[in-house]
């Protein structure tokens, strides 16, 4: 399971928020039943895109041998 402040990688697209598989987030809350976590996804400028409750199969840990990648992101909520 994940701990608070863990860096996680999204395992699937979440179209409602414009998030894509591979996007990076931070665990901001772990539920006591260990069945879900709350993760925050940010733009490069620190604007919150979404804070989502996710199941463990929706995210994965970031691997030590992975490199970060940047992609464009447009959301009406951020404009």
PDB file of N, CA and C in Angstrom:
ATOM      1  N   UNK A   1       0.850  -1.188   0.000  1.00  0.00           N
ATOM      2  CA  UNK A   1       0.000   0.000   0.000  1.00  0.00           C
ATOM      3  C   UNK A   1       0.884   1.236   0.000  1.00  0.00           C
ATOM      4  N   UNK A   2       0.283   2.370  -0.185  1.00  0.00           N
ATOM      5  CA  UNK A   2       1.002   3.633  -0.300  1.00  0.00           C
ATOM      6  C   UNK A   2       0.905   4.423   1.003  1.00  0.00           C
ATOM      7  N   UNK A   3       1.913   5.248   1.222  1.00  0.00           N
ATOM      8  CA  UNK A   3       1.946   6.123   2.382  1.00  0.00           C
ATOM      9  C   UNK A   3       1.749   7.567   1.932  1.00  0.00           C
ATOM     10  N   UNK A   4       1.348   8.423   2.862  1.00  0.00           N
ATOM     11  CA  UNK A   4       1.204   9.842   2.544  1.00  0.00           C
ATOM     12  C   UNK A   4       2.544  10.401   2.076  1.00  0.00           C
ATOM     13  N   UNK A   5       2.478  11.249   1.069  1.00  0.00           N
ATOM     14  CA  UNK A   5       3.600  11.912   0.408  1.00  0.00           C
ATOM     15  C   UNK A   5       4.371  11.022  -0.559  1.00  0.00           C
ATOM     16  N   UNK A   6       3.919   9.778  -0.762  1.00  0.00           N
ATOM     17  CA  UNK A   6       4.528   8.943  -1.801  1.00  0.00           C
ATOM     18  C   UNK A   6       4.236   9.539  -3.173  1.00  0.00           C
ATOM     19  N   UNK A   7       5.225   9.476  -4.044  1.00  0.00           N
ATOM     20  CA  UNK A   7       5.029   9.848  -5.441  1.00  0.00           C
ATOM     21  C   UNK A   7       4.480   8.620  -6.157  1.00  0.00           C
ATOM     22  N   UNK A   8       3.396   8.815  -6.919  1.00  0.00           N
ATOM     23  CA  UNK A   8       2.750   7.698  -7.604  1.00  0.00           C
ATOM     24  C   UNK A   8       2.549   8.029  -9.080  1.00  0.00           C
ATOM     25  N   UNK A   9       2.361   6.988  -9.856  1.00  0.00           N
ATOM     26  CA  UNK A   9       2.148   7.106 -11.293  1.00  0.00           C
ATOM     27  C   UNK A   9       0.752   6.575 -11.611  1.00  0.00           C
ATOM     28  N   UNK A  10       0.010   7.344 -12.367  1.00  0.00           N
ATOM     29  CA  UNK A  10      -1.338   6.932 -12.757  1.00  0.00           C
ATOM     30  C   UNK A  10      -1.255   5.748 -13.721  1.00  0.00           C
ATOM     31  N   UNK A  11      -2.015   4.708 -13.447  1.00  0.00           N
ATOM     32  CA  UNK A  11      -1.975   3.476 -14.240  1.00  0.00           C
ATOM     33  C   UNK A  11      -2.987   3.477 -15.378  1.00  0.00           C
ATOM     34  N   UNK A  12      -3.875   4.454 -15.406  1.00  0.00           N
ATOM     35  CA  UNK A  12      -4.920   4.502 -16.418  1.00  0.00           C
ATOM     36  C   UNK A  12      -5.314   5.947 -16.682  1.00  0.00           C
ATOM     37  N   UNK A  13      -5.872   6.226 -17.833  1.00  0.00           N
ATOM     38  CA  UNK A  13      -6.366   7.575 -18.131  1.00  0.00           C
ATOM     39  C   UNK A  13      -7.594   7.886 -17.280  1.00  0.00           C
ATOM     40  N   UNK A  14      -7.715   9.142 -16.882  1.00  0.00           N
ATOM     41  CA  UNK A  14      -8.930   9.632 -16.221  1.00  0.00           C
ATOM     42  C   UNK A  14      -9.377  10.835 -17.031  1.00  0.00           C
ATOM     43  N   UNK A  15     -10.166  10.554 -18.057  1.00  0.00           N
ATOM     44  CA  UNK A  15     -10.547  11.566 -19.050  1.00  0.00           C
ATOM     45  C   UNK A  15     -11.279  12.759 -18.465  1.00  0.00           C
ATOM     46  N   UNK A  16     -12.070  12.542 -17.437  1.00  0.00           N
ATOM     47  CA  UNK A  16     -12.845  13.621 -16.831  1.00  0.00           C
ATOM     48  C   UNK A  16     -11.949  14.780 -16.388  1.00  0.00           C
ATOM     49  N   UNK A  17     -10.726  14.470 -15.996  1.00  0.00           N
ATOM     50  CA  UNK A  17      -9.790  15.495 -15.516  1.00  0.00           C
ATOM     51  C   UNK A  17      -8.632  15.740 -16.477  1.00  0.00           C
ATOM     52  N   UNK A  18      -8.655  15.091 -17.626  1.00  0.00           N
ATOM     53  CA  UNK A  18      -7.583  15.251 -18.601  1.00  0.00           C
ATOM     54  C   UNK A  18      -6.291  14.560 -18.197  1.00  0.00           C
ATOM     55  N   UNK A  19      -6.364  13.658 -17.246  1.00  0.00           N
ATOM     56  CA  UNK A  19      -5.184  12.940 -16.791  1.00  0.00           C
ATOM     57  C   UNK A  19      -4.947  11.711 -17.654  1.00  0.00           C
ATOM     58  N   UNK A  20      -3.657  11.387 -17.844  1.00  0.00           N
ATOM     59  CA  UNK A  20      -3.297  10.251 -18.682  1.00  0.00           C
ATOM     60  C   UNK A  20      -2.408   9.290 -17.922  1.00  0.00           C
ATOM     61  N   UNK A  21      -2.451   8.043 -18.369  1.00  0.00           N
ATOM     62  CA  UNK A  21      -1.575   7.020 -17.810  1.00  0.00           C
ATOM     63  C   UNK A  21      -0.146   7.551 -17.829  1.00  0.00           C
ATOM     64  N   UNK A  22       0.546   7.421 -16.726  1.00  0.00           N
ATOM     65  CA  UNK A  22       1.919   7.906 -16.626  1.00  0.00           C
ATOM     66  C   UNK A  22       2.036   9.251 -15.930  1.00  0.00           C
ATOM     67  N   UNK A  23       0.921   9.970 -15.756  1.00  0.00           N
ATOM     68  CA  UNK A  23       0.971  11.241 -15.024  1.00  0.00           C
ATOM     69  C   UNK A  23       1.366  10.963 -13.579  1.00  0.00           C
ATOM     70  N   UNK A  24       2.069  11.915 -12.991  1.00  0.00           N
ATOM     71  CA  UNK A  24       2.624  11.744 -11.659  1.00  0.00           C
ATOM     72  C   UNK A  24       1.816  12.536 -10.641  1.00  0.00           C
ATOM     73  N   UNK A  25       1.551  11.896  -9.507  1.00  0.00           N
ATOM     74  CA  UNK A  25       0.813  12.540  -8.431  1.00  0.00           C
ATOM     75  C   UNK A  25       1.473  12.269  -7.092  1.00  0.00           C
ATOM     76  N   UNK A  26       0.889  12.843  -6.055  1.00  0.00           N
ATOM     77  CA  UNK A  26       1.374  12.660  -4.696  1.00  0.00           C
ATOM     78  C   UNK A  26       0.227  12.197  -3.812  1.00  0.00           C
ATOM     79  N   UNK A  27       0.466  11.172  -3.022  1.00  0.00           N
ATOM     80  CA  UNK A  27      -0.539  10.699  -2.074  1.00  0.00           C
ATOM     81  C   UNK A  27      -0.654  11.739  -0.962  1.00  0.00           C
ATOM     82  N   UNK A  28      -1.864  12.246  -0.767  1.00  0.00           N
ATOM     83  CA  UNK A  28      -2.094  13.248   0.277  1.00  0.00           C
ATOM     84  C   UNK A  28      -2.900  12.691   1.447  1.00  0.00           C
ATOM     85  N   UNK A  29      -3.450  11.489   1.289  1.00  0.00           N
ATOM     86  CA  UNK A  29      -4.187  10.852   2.381  1.00  0.00           C
ATOM     87  C   UNK A  29      -4.274   9.356   2.110  1.00  0.00           C
ATOM     88  N   UNK A  30      -4.090   8.589   3.152  1.00  0.00           N
ATOM     89  CA  UNK A  30      -4.327   7.145   3.056  1.00  0.00           C
ATOM     90  C   UNK A  30      -5.491   6.806   3.974  1.00  0.00           C
ATOM     91  N   UNK A  31      -6.432   6.067   3.467  1.00  0.00           N
ATOM     92  CA  UNK A  31      -7.591   5.667   4.255  1.00  0.00           C
ATOM     93  C   UNK A  31      -7.214   4.508   5.172  1.00  0.00           C
ATOM     94  N   UNK A  32      -7.796   4.482   6.359  1.00  0.00           N
ATOM     95  CA  UNK A  32      -7.424   3.493   7.371  1.00  0.00           C
ATOM     96  C   UNK A  32      -7.708   2.054   6.934  1.00  0.00           C
ATOM     97  N   UNK A  33      -8.687   1.865   6.045  1.00  0.00           N
ATOM     98  CA  UNK A  33      -8.992   0.501   5.591  1.00  0.00           C
ATOM     99  C   UNK A  33      -8.026   0.014   4.511  1.00  0.00           C
ATOM    100  N   UNK A  34      -7.109   0.895   4.068  1.00  0.00           N
ATOM    101  CA  UNK A  34      -6.077   0.561   3.074  1.00  0.00           C
ATOM    102  C   UNK A  34      -6.653   0.189   1.708  1.00  0.00           C
ATOM    103  N   UNK A  35      -7.925   0.486   1.468  1.00  0.00           N
ATOM    104  CA  UNK A  35      -8.554   0.155   0.194  1.00  0.00           C
ATOM    105  C   UNK A  35      -8.490   1.291  -0.811  1.00  0.00           C
ATOM    106  N   UNK A  36      -8.045   2.477  -0.356  1.00  0.00           N
ATOM    107  CA  UNK A  36      -7.983   3.627  -1.259  1.00  0.00           C
ATOM    108  C   UNK A  36      -7.039   4.677  -0.684  1.00  0.00           C
ATOM    109  N   UNK A  37      -6.595   5.557  -1.583  1.00  0.00           N
ATOM    110  CA  UNK A  37      -5.790   6.713  -1.194  1.00  0.00           C
ATOM    111  C   UNK A  37      -6.355   7.933  -1.897  1.00  0.00           C
ATOM    112  N   UNK A  38      -6.017   9.084  -1.391  1.00  0.00           N
ATOM    113  CA  UNK A  38      -6.347  10.335  -2.068  1.00  0.00           C
ATOM    114  C   UNK A  38      -5.033  10.868  -2.632  1.00  0.00           C
ATOM    115  N   UNK A  39      -5.007  11.157  -3.936  1.00  0.00           N
ATOM    116  CA  UNK A  39      -3.796  11.636  -4.588  1.00  0.00           C
ATOM    117  C   UNK A  39      -4.068  12.954  -5.291  1.00  0.00           C
ATOM    118  N   UNK A  40      -3.078  13.842  -5.246  1.00  0.00           N
ATOM    119  CA  UNK A  40      -3.182  15.146  -5.896  1.00  0.00           C
ATOM    120  C   UNK A  40      -2.294  15.156  -7.129  1.00  0.00           C
ATOM    121  N   UNK A  41      -2.834  15.721  -8.206  1.00  0.00           N
ATOM    122  CA  UNK A  41      -2.110  15.861  -9.467  1.00  0.00           C
ATOM    123  C   UNK A  41      -2.000  17.348  -9.769  1.00  0.00           C
ATOM    124  N   UNK A  42      -0.789  17.799 -10.086  1.00  0.00           N
ATOM    125  CA  UNK A  42      -0.495  19.218 -10.258  1.00  0.00           C
ATOM    126  C   UNK A  42       0.071  19.504 -11.636  1.00  0.00           C
ATOM    127  N   UNK A  43      -0.054  20.772 -12.063  1.00  0.00           N
ATOM    128  CA  UNK A  43       0.679  21.237 -13.232  1.00  0.00           C
ATOM    129  C   UNK A  43       2.111  21.546 -12.800  1.00  0.00           C
ATOM    130  N   UNK A  44       2.977  21.839 -13.764  1.00  0.00           N
ATOM    131  CA  UNK A  44       4.367  22.189 -13.460  1.00  0.00           C
ATOM    132  C   UNK A  44       4.461  23.475 -12.640  1.00  0.00           C
ATOM    133  N   UNK A  45       3.446  24.330 -12.715  1.00  0.00           N
ATOM    134  CA  UNK A  45       3.447  25.570 -11.951  1.00  0.00           C
ATOM    135  C   UNK A  45       2.793  25.414 -10.579  1.00  0.00           C
ATOM    136  N   UNK A  46       2.405  24.199 -10.228  1.00  0.00           N
ATOM    137  CA  UNK A  46       1.849  23.943  -8.906  1.00  0.00           C
ATOM    138  C   UNK A  46       0.349  24.118  -8.798  1.00  0.00           C
ATOM    139  N   UNK A  47      -0.342  24.307  -9.924  1.00  0.00           N
ATOM    140  CA  UNK A  47      -1.803  24.407  -9.904  1.00  0.00           C
ATOM    141  C   UNK A  47      -2.403  23.009  -9.786  1.00  0.00           C
ATOM    142  N   UNK A  48      -3.351  22.846  -8.895  1.00  0.00           N
ATOM    143  CA  UNK A  48      -4.003  21.548  -8.729  1.00  0.00           C
ATOM    144  C   UNK A  48      -4.895  21.250  -9.921  1.00  0.00           C
ATOM    145  N   UNK A  49      -4.686  20.094 -10.521  1.00  0.00           N
ATOM    146  CA  UNK A  49      -5.542  19.605 -11.598  1.00  0.00           C
ATOM    147  C   UNK A  49      -6.689  18.815 -10.992  1.00  0.00           C
ATOM    148  N   UNK A  50      -6.358  17.929 -10.054  1.00  0.00           N
ATOM    149  CA  UNK A  50      -7.381  17.099  -9.420  1.00  0.00           C
ATOM    150  C   UNK A  50      -6.832  16.491  -8.138  1.00  0.00           C
ATOM    151  N   UNK A  51      -7.725  16.301  -7.184  1.00  0.00           N
ATOM    152  CA  UNK A  51      -7.450  15.513  -5.985  1.00  0.00           C
ATOM    153  C   UNK A  51      -8.472  14.392  -6.029  1.00  0.00           C
ATOM    154  N   UNK A  52      -7.984  13.177  -6.201  1.00  0.00           N
ATOM    155  CA  UNK A  52      -8.860  12.043  -6.473  1.00  0.00           C
ATOM    156  C   UNK A  52      -8.684  10.922  -5.461  1.00  0.00           C
ATOM    157  N   UNK A  53      -9.773  10.266  -5.132  1.00  0.00           N
ATOM    158  CA  UNK A  53      -9.711   9.040  -4.358  1.00  0.00           C
ATOM    159  C   UNK A  53      -9.529   7.899  -5.340  1.00  0.00           C
ATOM    160  N   UNK A  54      -8.441   7.153  -5.164  1.00  0.00           N
ATOM    161  CA  UNK A  54      -8.071   6.099  -6.104  1.00  0.00           C
ATOM    162  C   UNK A  54      -7.821   4.788  -5.378  1.00  0.00           C
ATOM    163  N   UNK A  55      -8.108   3.705  -6.074  1.00  0.00           N
ATOM    164  CA  UNK A  55      -7.815   2.374  -5.554  1.00  0.00           C
ATOM    165  C   UNK A  55      -6.367   2.033  -5.893  1.00  0.00           C
ATOM    166  N   UNK A  56      -5.769   1.108  -5.157  1.00  0.00           N
ATOM    167  CA  UNK A  56      -4.368   0.761  -5.416  1.00  0.00           C
ATOM    168  C   UNK A  56      -4.078   0.337  -6.853  1.00  0.00           C
ATOM    169  N   UNK A  57      -5.033  -0.258  -7.549  1.00  0.00           N
ATOM    170  CA  UNK A  57      -4.783  -0.666  -8.930  1.00  0.00           C
ATOM    171  C   UNK A  57      -4.871   0.505  -9.922  1.00  0.00           C
ATOM    172  N   UNK A  58      -5.284   1.692  -9.461  1.00  0.00           N
ATOM    173  CA  UNK A  58      -5.331   2.885 -10.312  1.00  0.00           C
ATOM    174  C   UNK A  58      -3.984   3.591 -10.394  1.00  0.00           C
ATOM    175  N   UNK A  59      -3.086   3.277  -9.457  1.00  0.00           N
ATOM    176  CA  UNK A  59      -1.783   3.925  -9.392  1.00  0.00           C
ATOM    177  C   UNK A  59      -0.714   2.877  -9.124  1.00  0.00           C
ATOM    178  N   UNK A  60       0.524   3.282  -9.325  1.00  0.00           N
ATOM    179  CA  UNK A  60       1.656   2.416  -9.010  1.00  0.00           C
ATOM    180  C   UNK A  60       2.787   3.280  -8.482  1.00  0.00           C
ATOM    181  N   UNK A  61       3.740   2.681  -7.783  1.00  0.00           N
ATOM    182  CA  UNK A  61       4.881   3.460  -7.322  1.00  0.00           C
ATOM    183  C   UNK A  61       5.736   3.892  -8.506  1.00  0.00           C
ATOM    184  N   UNK A  62       6.445   4.987  -8.346  1.00  0.00           N
ATOM    185  CA  UNK A  62       7.391   5.401  -9.379  1.00  0.00           C
ATOM    186  C   UNK A  62       8.651   4.560  -9.196  1.00  0.00           C
ATOM    187  N   UNK A  63       9.201   4.072 -10.291  1.00  0.00           N
ATOM    188  CA  UNK A  63      10.396   3.228 -10.223  1.00  0.00           C
ATOM    189  C   UNK A  63      11.657   4.087 -10.228  1.00  0.00           C
ATOM    190  N   UNK A  64      12.681   3.608  -9.572  1.00  0.00           N
ATOM    191  CA  UNK A  64      13.937   4.352  -9.465  1.00  0.00           C
ATOM    192  C   UNK A  64      14.625   4.565 -10.810  1.00  0.00           C
ATOM    193  N   UNK A  65      14.334   3.710 -11.786  1.00  0.00           N
ATOM    194  CA  UNK A  65      15.008   3.826 -13.084  1.00  0.00           C
ATOM    195  C   UNK A  65      14.143   4.527 -14.138  1.00  0.00           C
ATOM    196  N   UNK A  66      13.087   5.212 -13.713  1.00  0.00           N
ATOM    197  CA  UNK A  66      12.227   5.939 -14.646  1.00  0.00           C
ATOM    198  C   UNK A  66      12.658   7.403 -14.729  1.00  0.00           C
ATOM    199  N   UNK A  67      12.367   8.017 -15.862  1.00  0.00           N
ATOM    200  CA  UNK A  67      12.665   9.421 -16.071  1.00  0.00           C
ATOM    201  C   UNK A  67      11.354  10.177 -16.220  1.00  0.00           C
ATOM    202  N   UNK A  68      11.306  11.395 -15.700  1.00  0.00           N
ATOM    203  CA  UNK A  68      10.084  12.200 -15.797  1.00  0.00           C
ATOM    204  C   UNK A  68       9.937  12.761 -17.200  1.00  0.00           C
ATOM    205  N   UNK A  69       8.692  13.029 -17.587  1.00  0.00           N
ATOM    206  CA  UNK A  69       8.375  13.541 -18.914  1.00  0.00           C
ATOM    207  C   UNK A  69       7.324  14.634 -18.762  1.00  0.00           C
ATOM    208  N   UNK A  70       7.413  15.649 -19.590  1.00  0.00           N
ATOM    209  CA  UNK A  70       6.458  16.752 -19.534  1.00  0.00           C
ATOM    210  C   UNK A  70       5.568  16.694 -20.767  1.00  0.00           C
ATOM    211  N   UNK A  71       4.292  17.012 -20.588  1.00  0.00           N
ATOM    212  CA  UNK A  71       3.343  17.098 -21.706  1.00  0.00           C
ATOM    213  C   UNK A  71       2.467  18.327 -21.484  1.00  0.00           C
ATOM    214  N   UNK A  72       1.923  18.842 -22.550  1.00  0.00           N
ATOM    215  CA  UNK A  72       1.021  19.971 -22.437  1.00  0.00           C
ATOM    216  C   UNK A  72      -0.274  19.564 -21.767  1.00  0.00           C
ATOM    217  N   UNK A  73      -0.894  20.519 -21.097  1.00  0.00           N
ATOM    218  CA  UNK A  73      -2.163  20.250 -20.418  1.00  0.00           C
ATOM    219  C   UNK A  73      -3.024  21.488 -20.499  1.00  0.00           C
ATOM    220  N   UNK A  74      -4.258  21.308 -20.938  1.00  0.00           N
ATOM    221  CA  UNK A  74      -5.218  22.410 -21.005  1.00  0.00           C
ATOM    222  C   UNK A  74      -6.459  21.999 -20.259  1.00  0.00           C
ATOM    223  N   UNK A  75      -6.901  22.880 -19.388  1.00  0.00           N
ATOM    224  CA  UNK A  75      -8.141  22.657 -18.653  1.00  0.00           C
ATOM    225  C   UNK A  75      -8.840  23.981 -18.456  1.00  0.00           C
ATOM    226  N   UNK A  76     -10.122  24.025 -18.699  1.00  0.00           N
ATOM    227  CA  UNK A  76     -10.867  25.253 -18.495  1.00  0.00           C
ATOM    228  C   UNK A  76     -10.830  25.682 -17.036  1.00  0.00           C
ATOM    229  N   UNK A  77     -10.702  24.704 -16.125  1.00  0.00           N
ATOM    230  CA  UNK A  77     -10.675  25.020 -14.697  1.00  0.00           C
ATOM    231  C   UNK A  77      -9.411  25.793 -14.314  1.00  0.00           C
ATOM    232  N   UNK A  78      -8.329  25.631 -15.091  1.00  0.00           N
ATOM    233  CA  UNK A  78      -7.071  26.300 -14.773  1.00  0.00           C
ATOM    234  C   UNK A  78      -6.943  27.648 -15.438  1.00  0.00           C
ATOM    235  N   UNK A  79      -7.781  27.940 -16.413  1.00  0.00           N
ATOM    236  CA  UNK A  79      -7.667  29.216 -17.155  1.00  0.00           C
ATOM    237  C   UNK A  79      -8.396  30.330 -16.456  1.00  0.00           C
TER     238      UNK A  79
END
